[in-house]
C-alpha atoms as a PDB file:
ATOM      1  CA  MET A   1     130.465  88.186  38.252  1.00  0.00           C
ATOM      2  CA  LYS A   2     129.127  91.617  39.138  1.00  0.00           C
ATOM      3  CA  GLU A   3     130.848  93.637  41.863  1.00  0.00           C
ATOM      4  CA  THR A   4     127.590  94.091  43.763  1.00  0.00           C
ATOM      5  CA  TYR A   5     124.114  92.643  43.893  1.00  0.00           C
ATOM      6  CA  TYR A   6     122.677  96.147  43.660  1.00  0.00           C
ATOM      7  CA  ASN A   7     123.274  98.051  40.468  1.00  0.00           C
ATOM      8  CA  ARG A   8     121.738 101.482  39.963  1.00  0.00           C
ATOM      9  CA  GLU A   9     120.636 100.603  36.438  1.00  0.00           C
ATOM     10  CA  ASP A  10     118.519  97.738  37.822  1.00  0.00           C
ATOM     11  CA  LEU A  11     116.132 100.233  39.432  1.00  0.00           C
ATOM     12  CA  ALA A  12     114.920 101.162  35.950  1.00  0.00           C
ATOM     13  CA  LYS A  13     114.036  97.484  35.426  1.00  0.00           C
ATOM     14  CA  PHE A  14     111.475  97.473  38.251  1.00  0.00           C
ATOM     15  CA  GLY A  15     108.624  97.594  35.737  1.00  0.00           C
ATOM     16  CA  ASP A  16     109.930  94.365  34.239  1.00  0.00           C
ATOM     17  CA  ILE A  17     108.729  92.301  37.197  1.00  0.00           C
ATOM     18  CA  THR A  18     105.576  91.631  35.190  1.00  0.00           C
ATOM     19  CA  GLU A  19     107.633  89.653  32.665  1.00  0.00           C
ATOM     20  CA  PHE A  20     107.433  86.320  34.475  1.00  0.00           C
ATOM     21  CA  GLN A  21     103.967  86.828  35.986  1.00  0.00           C
ATOM     22  CA  GLU A  22     102.027  89.502  34.153  1.00  0.00           C
ATOM     23  CA  GLU A  23      98.713  89.246  36.008  1.00  0.00           C
ATOM     24  CA  LEU A  24     100.182  89.544  39.501  1.00  0.00           C
ATOM     25  CA  GLY A  25     102.701  92.168  38.397  1.00  0.00           C
ATOM     26  CA  GLU A  26      99.933  94.345  36.990  1.00  0.00           C
ATOM     27  CA  LYS A  27      97.873  93.904  40.151  1.00  0.00           C
ATOM     28  CA  PHE A  28     100.865  94.991  42.217  1.00  0.00           C
ATOM     29  CA  PHE A  29     101.469  98.096  40.088  1.00  0.00           C
ATOM     30  CA  ASN A  30      97.784  99.043  40.211  1.00  0.00           C
ATOM     31  CA  TYR A  31      97.877  98.755  43.979  1.00  0.00           C
ATOM     32  CA  TYR A  32     101.216 100.574  44.225  1.00  0.00           C
ATOM     33  CA  SER A  33     100.016 103.515  42.149  1.00  0.00           C
ATOM     34  CA  SER A  34      96.786 103.716  44.158  1.00  0.00           C
ATOM     35  CA  VAL A  35      98.712 103.798  47.440  1.00  0.00           C
ATOM     36  CA  PHE A  36     100.776 106.791  46.341  1.00  0.00           C
ATOM     37  CA  LYS A  37      97.855 108.902  45.080  1.00  0.00           C
ATOM     38  CA  GLU A  38      96.926 111.960  47.086  1.00  0.00           C
ATOM     39  CA  GLY A  39      94.462 110.984  49.803  1.00  0.00           C
ATOM     40  CA  ALA A  40      94.284 111.596  53.530  1.00  0.00           C
ATOM     41  CA  LEU A  41      98.061 111.966  53.231  1.00  0.00           C
ATOM     42  CA  THR A  42      99.706 114.179  50.649  1.00  0.00           C
ATOM     43  CA  LYS A  43     102.066 112.766  48.043  1.00  0.00           C
ATOM     44  CA  ARG A  44     104.825 114.581  49.907  1.00  0.00           C
ATOM     45  CA  GLU A  45     103.970 112.900  53.215  1.00  0.00           C
ATOM     46  CA  LYS A  46     103.727 109.495  51.548  1.00  0.00           C
ATOM     47  CA  SER A  47     107.099 110.018  49.918  1.00  0.00           C
ATOM     48  CA  LEU A  48     108.734 110.831  53.268  1.00  0.00           C
ATOM     49  CA  ILE A  49     107.146 107.735  54.801  1.00  0.00           C
ATOM     50  CA  ALA A  50     108.421 105.654  51.890  1.00  0.00           C
ATOM     51  CA  LEU A  51     111.923 107.076  52.353  1.00  0.00           C
ATOM     52  CA  ALA A  52     111.895 106.212  56.053  1.00  0.00           C
ATOM     53  CA  VAL A  53     110.571 102.696  55.408  1.00  0.00           C
ATOM     54  CA  SER A  54     113.187 102.262  52.666  1.00  0.00           C
ATOM     55  CA  HIS A  55     115.886 102.792  55.256  1.00  0.00           C
ATOM     56  CA  ALA A  56     114.201 100.569  57.837  1.00  0.00           C
ATOM     57  CA  ILE A  57     114.025  97.670  55.364  1.00  0.00           C
ATOM     58  CA  GLN A  58     117.413  98.653  53.886  1.00  0.00           C
ATOM     59  CA  CYS A  59     116.380  98.595  50.222  1.00  0.00           C
ATOM     60  CA  PRO A  60     118.973 100.504  48.176  1.00  0.00           C
ATOM     61  CA  TYR A  61     116.618 100.735  45.185  1.00  0.00           C
ATOM     62  CA  CYS A  62     113.878 102.239  47.335  1.00  0.00           C
ATOM     63  CA  ILE A  63     116.334 104.623  49.008  1.00  0.00           C
ATOM     64  CA  ASP A  64     117.431 105.805  45.565  1.00  0.00           C
ATOM     65  CA  ALA A  65     113.882 106.150  44.245  1.00  0.00           C
ATOM     66  CA  TYR A  66     112.429 107.891  47.301  1.00  0.00           C
ATOM     67  CA  THR A  67     115.391 110.202  47.822  1.00  0.00           C
ATOM     68  CA  SER A  68     114.692 111.467  44.320  1.00  0.00           C
ATOM     69  CA  ASP A  69     110.938 111.539  44.890  1.00  0.00           C
ATOM     70  CA  THR A  70     111.097 113.416  48.211  1.00  0.00           C
ATOM     71  CA  LEU A  71     113.291 116.060  46.590  1.00  0.00           C
ATOM     72  CA  LYS A  72     110.821 116.255  43.696  1.00  0.00           C
ATOM     73  CA  GLN A  73     108.019 116.713  46.249  1.00  0.00           C
ATOM     74  CA  GLY A  74     109.867 119.735  47.684  1.00  0.00           C
ATOM     75  CA  CYS A  75     111.453 118.210  50.773  1.00  0.00           C
ATOM     76  CA  ASP A  76     114.818 119.488  51.920  1.00  0.00           C
ATOM     77  CA  GLU A  77     117.835 117.686  53.328  1.00  0.00           C
ATOM     78  CA  GLU A  78     116.831 118.300  56.935  1.00  0.00           C
ATOM     79  CA  GLU A  79     113.403 116.747  56.388  1.00  0.00           C
ATOM     80  CA  LEU A  80     114.914 113.710  54.660  1.00  0.00           C
ATOM     81  CA  MET A  81     117.370 113.138  57.506  1.00  0.00           C
ATOM     82  CA  GLU A  82     114.677 113.646  60.130  1.00  0.00           C
ATOM     83  CA  ALA A  83     112.523 110.996  58.414  1.00  0.00           C
ATOM     84  CA  ILE A  84     115.487 108.606  58.490  1.00  0.00           C
ATOM     85  CA  HIS A  85     116.013 109.311  62.187  1.00  0.00           C
ATOM     86  CA  VAL A  86     112.354 108.433  62.800  1.00  0.00           C
ATOM     87  CA  ALA A  87     112.935 105.113  61.019  1.00  0.00           C
ATOM     88  CA  GLY A  88     116.080 104.521  63.065  1.00  0.00           C
ATOM     89  CA  ALA A  89     114.297 105.295  66.335  1.00  0.00           C
ATOM     90  CA  ILE A  90     111.431 102.935  65.520  1.00  0.00           C
ATOM     91  CA  ARG A  91     113.783 100.191  64.367  1.00  0.00           C
ATOM     92  CA  GLY A  92     115.970 100.569  67.456  1.00  0.00           C
ATOM     93  CA  GLY A  93     112.964 100.833  69.741  1.00  0.00           C
ATOM     94  CA  ALA A  94     111.495  97.662  68.276  1.00  0.00           C
ATOM     95  CA  SER A  95     114.715  95.809  69.032  1.00  0.00           C
ATOM     96  CA  LEU A  96     114.710  97.086  72.596  1.00  0.00           C
ATOM     97  CA  ALA A  97     111.012  96.354  73.066  1.00  0.00           C
ATOM     98  CA  HIS A  98     111.688  92.746  72.125  1.00  0.00           C
ATOM     99  CA  GLY A  99     114.136  92.733  75.007  1.00  0.00           C
ATOM    100  CA  VAL A 100     111.066  92.144  77.169  1.00  0.00           C
ATOM    101  CA  GLN A 101     110.916  88.661  75.613  1.00  0.00           C
ATOM    102  CA  MET A 102     114.482  88.020  76.740  1.00  0.00           C
ATOM    103  CA  MET A 103     113.718  89.368  80.207  1.00  0.00           C
ATOM    104  CA  ASN A 104     110.690  87.052  80.445  1.00  0.00           C
ATOM    105  CA  GLN A 105     112.847  84.066  79.461  1.00  0.00           C
ATOM    106  CA  VAL A 106     115.563  84.977  81.967  1.00  0.00           C
ATOM    107  CA  LYS A 107     112.990  85.282  84.756  1.00  0.00           C
ATOM    108  CA  ASP A 108     111.413  81.949  83.787  1.00  0.00           C
ATOM    109  CA  LYS A 109     114.756  80.177  83.655  1.00  0.00           C
ATOM    110  CA  LEU A 110     116.502  81.720  86.675  1.00  0.00           C
ATOM    111  CA  MET A 111     113.645  82.283  89.073  1.00  0.00           C
END
């Protein structure tokens, strides 16, 4: 048994997801590459967004890939950490915003 589910060397196998379903895998990679092309947002901006989302969804492969990519795009440590703080604030805020649902239930049940 492996020590962890997440092994760094598995990131390099990402392209292999087409092995069991080539058509859908290729469609995904076409879409993925289109998303990250320069457009209204720069590649640098998209990379920072991807890094933040990687932390919000807690994907170690994505964190690895987009840490490398943001550095390649010229971002510095402060920018990377600020992007992660944005993700943390949104994730925490979303949890707190859902507290309204709890408050509604409490009011319905106790009032």
